[in-house]
N, C-alpha and C. Protein backbone atom coordinates (compact mmCIF):
# COMPACT_ATOMS: atom_id res chain seq x y z
N UNK A 1 -5.54 -23.59 -4.58
CA UNK A 1 -6.72 -23.51 -3.62
C UNK A 1 -7.96 -23.85 -4.26
N UNK A 2 -8.79 -24.73 -3.65
CA UNK A 2 -9.98 -25.13 -4.14
C UNK A 2 -11.18 -24.61 -3.38
N UNK A 3 -12.28 -24.19 -4.15
CA UNK A 3 -13.48 -23.89 -3.52
C UNK A 3 -14.61 -24.72 -4.25
N UNK A 4 -15.26 -25.50 -3.38
CA UNK A 4 -16.33 -26.28 -4.00
C UNK A 4 -15.79 -27.42 -4.87
N UNK A 5 -16.55 -27.86 -5.92
CA UNK A 5 -16.20 -28.95 -6.72
C UNK A 5 -15.38 -28.60 -7.99
N UNK A 6 -15.84 -27.49 -8.63
CA UNK A 6 -15.14 -27.15 -9.92
C UNK A 6 -14.64 -25.69 -9.99
N UNK A 7 -14.30 -25.18 -8.89
CA UNK A 7 -13.74 -23.83 -8.82
C UNK A 7 -12.33 -23.93 -8.26
N UNK A 8 -11.35 -23.56 -9.05
CA UNK A 8 -10.00 -23.66 -8.58
C UNK A 8 -9.27 -22.27 -8.78
N UNK A 9 -8.63 -21.75 -7.71
CA UNK A 9 -7.85 -20.43 -7.81
C UNK A 9 -6.43 -20.75 -7.77
N UNK A 10 -5.77 -20.15 -8.72
CA UNK A 10 -4.24 -20.28 -8.77
C UNK A 10 -3.67 -18.88 -8.59
N UNK A 11 -2.69 -18.76 -7.75
CA UNK A 11 -2.09 -17.44 -7.58
C UNK A 11 -1.25 -17.10 -8.78
N UNK A 12 -1.27 -15.73 -9.11
CA UNK A 12 -0.53 -15.29 -10.26
C UNK A 12 0.98 -15.26 -9.84
N UNK A 13 1.75 -15.64 -10.89
CA UNK A 13 3.27 -15.42 -10.62
C UNK A 13 3.81 -16.48 -9.82
N UNK A 14 3.22 -17.69 -9.63
CA UNK A 14 3.82 -18.71 -8.86
C UNK A 14 3.99 -18.39 -7.38
N UNK A 15 5.05 -18.91 -6.85
CA UNK A 15 5.23 -18.63 -5.37
C UNK A 15 5.44 -17.24 -5.00
N UNK A 16 6.18 -16.57 -5.83
CA UNK A 16 6.41 -15.11 -5.46
C UNK A 16 5.07 -14.29 -5.52
N UNK A 17 4.32 -14.57 -6.50
CA UNK A 17 2.96 -13.97 -6.52
C UNK A 17 2.09 -14.19 -5.40
N UNK A 18 2.15 -15.49 -4.97
CA UNK A 18 1.38 -15.99 -3.80
C UNK A 18 1.81 -15.18 -2.56
N UNK A 19 3.16 -15.06 -2.35
CA UNK A 19 3.68 -14.33 -1.24
C UNK A 19 3.16 -12.89 -1.26
N UNK A 20 3.28 -12.27 -2.48
CA UNK A 20 2.84 -10.91 -2.66
C UNK A 20 1.40 -10.75 -2.31
N UNK A 21 0.53 -11.66 -2.72
CA UNK A 21 -0.87 -11.58 -2.45
C UNK A 21 -1.15 -11.72 -0.98
N UNK A 22 -0.41 -12.64 -0.33
CA UNK A 22 -0.59 -12.75 1.16
C UNK A 22 -0.21 -11.44 1.87
N UNK A 23 0.95 -10.89 1.50
CA UNK A 23 1.47 -9.60 2.12
C UNK A 23 0.46 -8.44 1.81
N UNK A 24 -0.03 -8.47 0.65
CA UNK A 24 -0.97 -7.44 0.28
C UNK A 24 -2.24 -7.53 1.26
N UNK A 25 -2.72 -8.71 1.26
CA UNK A 25 -3.98 -8.90 2.05
C UNK A 25 -3.70 -8.51 3.60
N UNK A 26 -2.60 -8.90 4.11
CA UNK A 26 -2.28 -8.48 5.57
C UNK A 26 -2.21 -6.96 5.66
N UNK A 27 -1.52 -6.26 4.73
CA UNK A 27 -1.43 -4.90 4.79
C UNK A 27 -2.80 -4.23 4.64
N UNK A 28 -3.57 -4.73 3.68
CA UNK A 28 -4.93 -4.19 3.43
C UNK A 28 -5.81 -4.36 4.68
N UNK A 29 -5.74 -5.48 5.30
CA UNK A 29 -6.59 -5.71 6.44
C UNK A 29 -6.23 -4.77 7.62
N UNK A 30 -4.88 -4.58 7.81
CA UNK A 30 -4.41 -3.65 8.90
C UNK A 30 -4.90 -2.28 8.58
N UNK A 31 -4.81 -1.80 7.37
CA UNK A 31 -5.21 -0.42 7.00
C UNK A 31 -6.71 -0.29 7.14
N UNK A 32 -7.43 -1.33 6.76
CA UNK A 32 -8.95 -1.25 6.84
C UNK A 32 -9.30 -1.19 8.35
N UNK A 33 -8.63 -1.89 9.25
CA UNK A 33 -8.86 -1.87 10.64
C UNK A 33 -8.62 -0.53 11.26
N UNK A 34 -7.51 0.09 10.78
CA UNK A 34 -7.15 1.51 11.25
C UNK A 34 -8.16 2.45 10.83
N UNK A 35 -8.60 2.44 9.56
CA UNK A 35 -9.59 3.30 9.03
C UNK A 35 -10.88 3.16 9.74
N UNK A 36 -11.32 1.94 10.01
CA UNK A 36 -12.58 1.63 10.70
C UNK A 36 -12.53 2.17 12.09
N UNK A 37 -11.45 2.01 12.78
CA UNK A 37 -11.30 2.58 14.17
C UNK A 37 -11.39 4.07 14.18
N UNK A 38 -10.74 4.76 13.19
CA UNK A 38 -10.80 6.21 13.11
C UNK A 38 -12.15 6.73 12.82
N UNK A 39 -12.96 5.87 11.98
CA UNK A 39 -14.28 6.42 11.59
C UNK A 39 -15.21 6.15 12.79
N UNK A 40 -15.02 5.11 13.55
CA UNK A 40 -15.96 4.85 14.70
C UNK A 40 -15.70 5.67 15.93
N UNK A 41 -14.47 6.14 16.13
CA UNK A 41 -14.11 6.99 17.24
C UNK A 41 -14.45 8.41 17.05
């Protein structure tokens, strides 16, 4: 994944690490949404 001209991000652990990072980000966003809803209500 590339950001700008000279910044490149490579996922740790190859394909499996990439999958894990995607899964973690999805779970984290869901948890953050639930927590935000609980705090706002």
